[in-house]
Amino acid sequence: MYPLVLAGLMKVLPFHYPIELKKPFWSDNSRFWRHQPDFQIAMFNQILLLVVVALTFFLARKLFDVNVAWLSGDLDHWL
């Protein structure tokens, strides 16, 4: 399922494949630093991580109790 969602993301977001050496966020002193498509995919993955943590929290709260939910939703265990 993830490849299909990622393919949809690549269709929706404007991906610029040429390497930017003039813009300061993408380069450091005219040296390659970040690639825009990789950065967007990484941000999407971080959003997915937070969604999974929230869903795990709510599921644990429904199945068990609030203490178990907070323990399962603790980001220190996920990262």
Protein backbone atom coordinates (compact mmCIF):
# COMPACT_ATOMS: atom_id res chain seq x y z
CA MET A 1 0.00 0.00 0.00
CA TYR A 2 2.86 2.40 0.79
CA PRO A 3 4.23 2.41 -2.79
CA LEU A 4 0.79 3.36 -4.12
CA VAL A 5 0.44 6.20 -1.60
CA LEU A 6 3.96 7.37 -2.38
CA ALA A 7 3.22 7.29 -6.12
CA GLY A 8 0.12 9.41 -5.50
CA LEU A 9 2.20 11.84 -3.46
CA MET A 10 4.70 12.09 -6.30
CA LYS A 11 1.86 12.92 -8.72
CA VAL A 12 0.35 15.58 -6.43
CA LEU A 13 3.44 17.37 -5.11
CA PRO A 14 5.72 19.31 -7.43
CA PHE A 15 8.98 17.37 -7.45
CA HIS A 16 11.97 19.25 -8.86
CA TYR A 17 14.61 16.70 -9.81
CA PRO A 18 17.45 19.01 -10.88
CA ILE A 19 19.86 19.74 -8.05
CA GLU A 20 19.61 23.31 -6.74
CA LEU A 21 22.98 24.87 -5.98
CA LYS A 22 21.84 28.50 -5.79
CA LYS A 23 19.11 28.30 -3.13
CA PRO A 24 20.46 28.32 0.45
CA PHE A 25 18.10 25.67 1.88
CA TRP A 26 19.08 23.08 -0.72
CA SER A 27 22.80 23.82 -0.87
CA ASP A 28 25.61 24.86 1.44
CA ASN A 29 28.16 27.25 -0.13
CA SER A 30 27.29 25.98 -3.62
CA ARG A 31 27.76 22.35 -2.52
CA PHE A 32 24.93 19.84 -2.76
CA TRP A 33 23.19 19.46 0.60
CA ARG A 34 19.54 18.36 0.20
CA HIS A 35 17.59 16.89 -2.69
CA GLN A 36 14.06 18.29 -2.87
CA PRO A 37 12.20 15.02 -3.69
CA ASP A 38 14.01 13.11 -0.92
CA PHE A 39 13.20 15.89 1.54
CA GLN A 40 9.49 15.83 0.65
CA ILE A 41 9.35 12.03 0.99
CA ALA A 42 11.10 12.27 4.38
CA MET A 43 8.57 14.85 5.59
CA PHE A 44 5.72 12.64 4.39
CA ASN A 45 7.21 9.70 6.29
CA GLN A 46 7.40 11.81 9.46
CA ILE A 47 3.73 12.72 9.10
CA LEU A 48 2.88 9.04 8.63
CA LEU A 49 4.85 8.21 11.79
CA LEU A 50 2.87 10.73 13.83
CA VAL A 51 -0.42 9.38 12.43
CA VAL A 52 0.57 5.82 13.39
CA VAL A 53 1.56 6.94 16.90
CA ALA A 54 -1.80 8.71 17.33
CA LEU A 55 -3.75 5.69 16.04
CA THR A 56 -1.79 3.39 18.36
CA PHE A 57 -2.53 5.70 21.28
CA PHE A 58 -6.29 5.73 20.62
CA LEU A 59 -6.41 1.98 20.02
CA ALA A 60 -4.53 1.23 23.25
CA ARG A 61 -6.77 3.62 25.16
CA LYS A 62 -9.86 1.87 23.84
CA LEU A 63 -8.56 -1.68 24.42
CA PHE A 64 -6.72 -1.13 27.71
CA ASP A 65 -6.48 2.03 29.81
CA VAL A 66 -4.99 5.51 29.64
CA ASN A 67 -1.64 4.50 31.18
CA VAL A 68 -1.07 1.83 28.54
CA ALA A 69 -2.11 4.30 25.84
CA TRP A 70 0.44 6.87 26.99
CA LEU A 71 3.13 4.22 27.16
CA SER A 72 2.37 2.97 23.64
CA GLY A 73 2.15 6.50 22.25
CA ASP A 74 5.44 7.61 23.79
CA LEU A 75 7.64 8.83 20.95
CA ASP A 76 10.84 7.80 22.76
CA HIS A 77 9.92 4.17 22.10
CA TRP A 78 9.20 4.84 18.41
CA LEU A 79 12.31 6.83 17.56
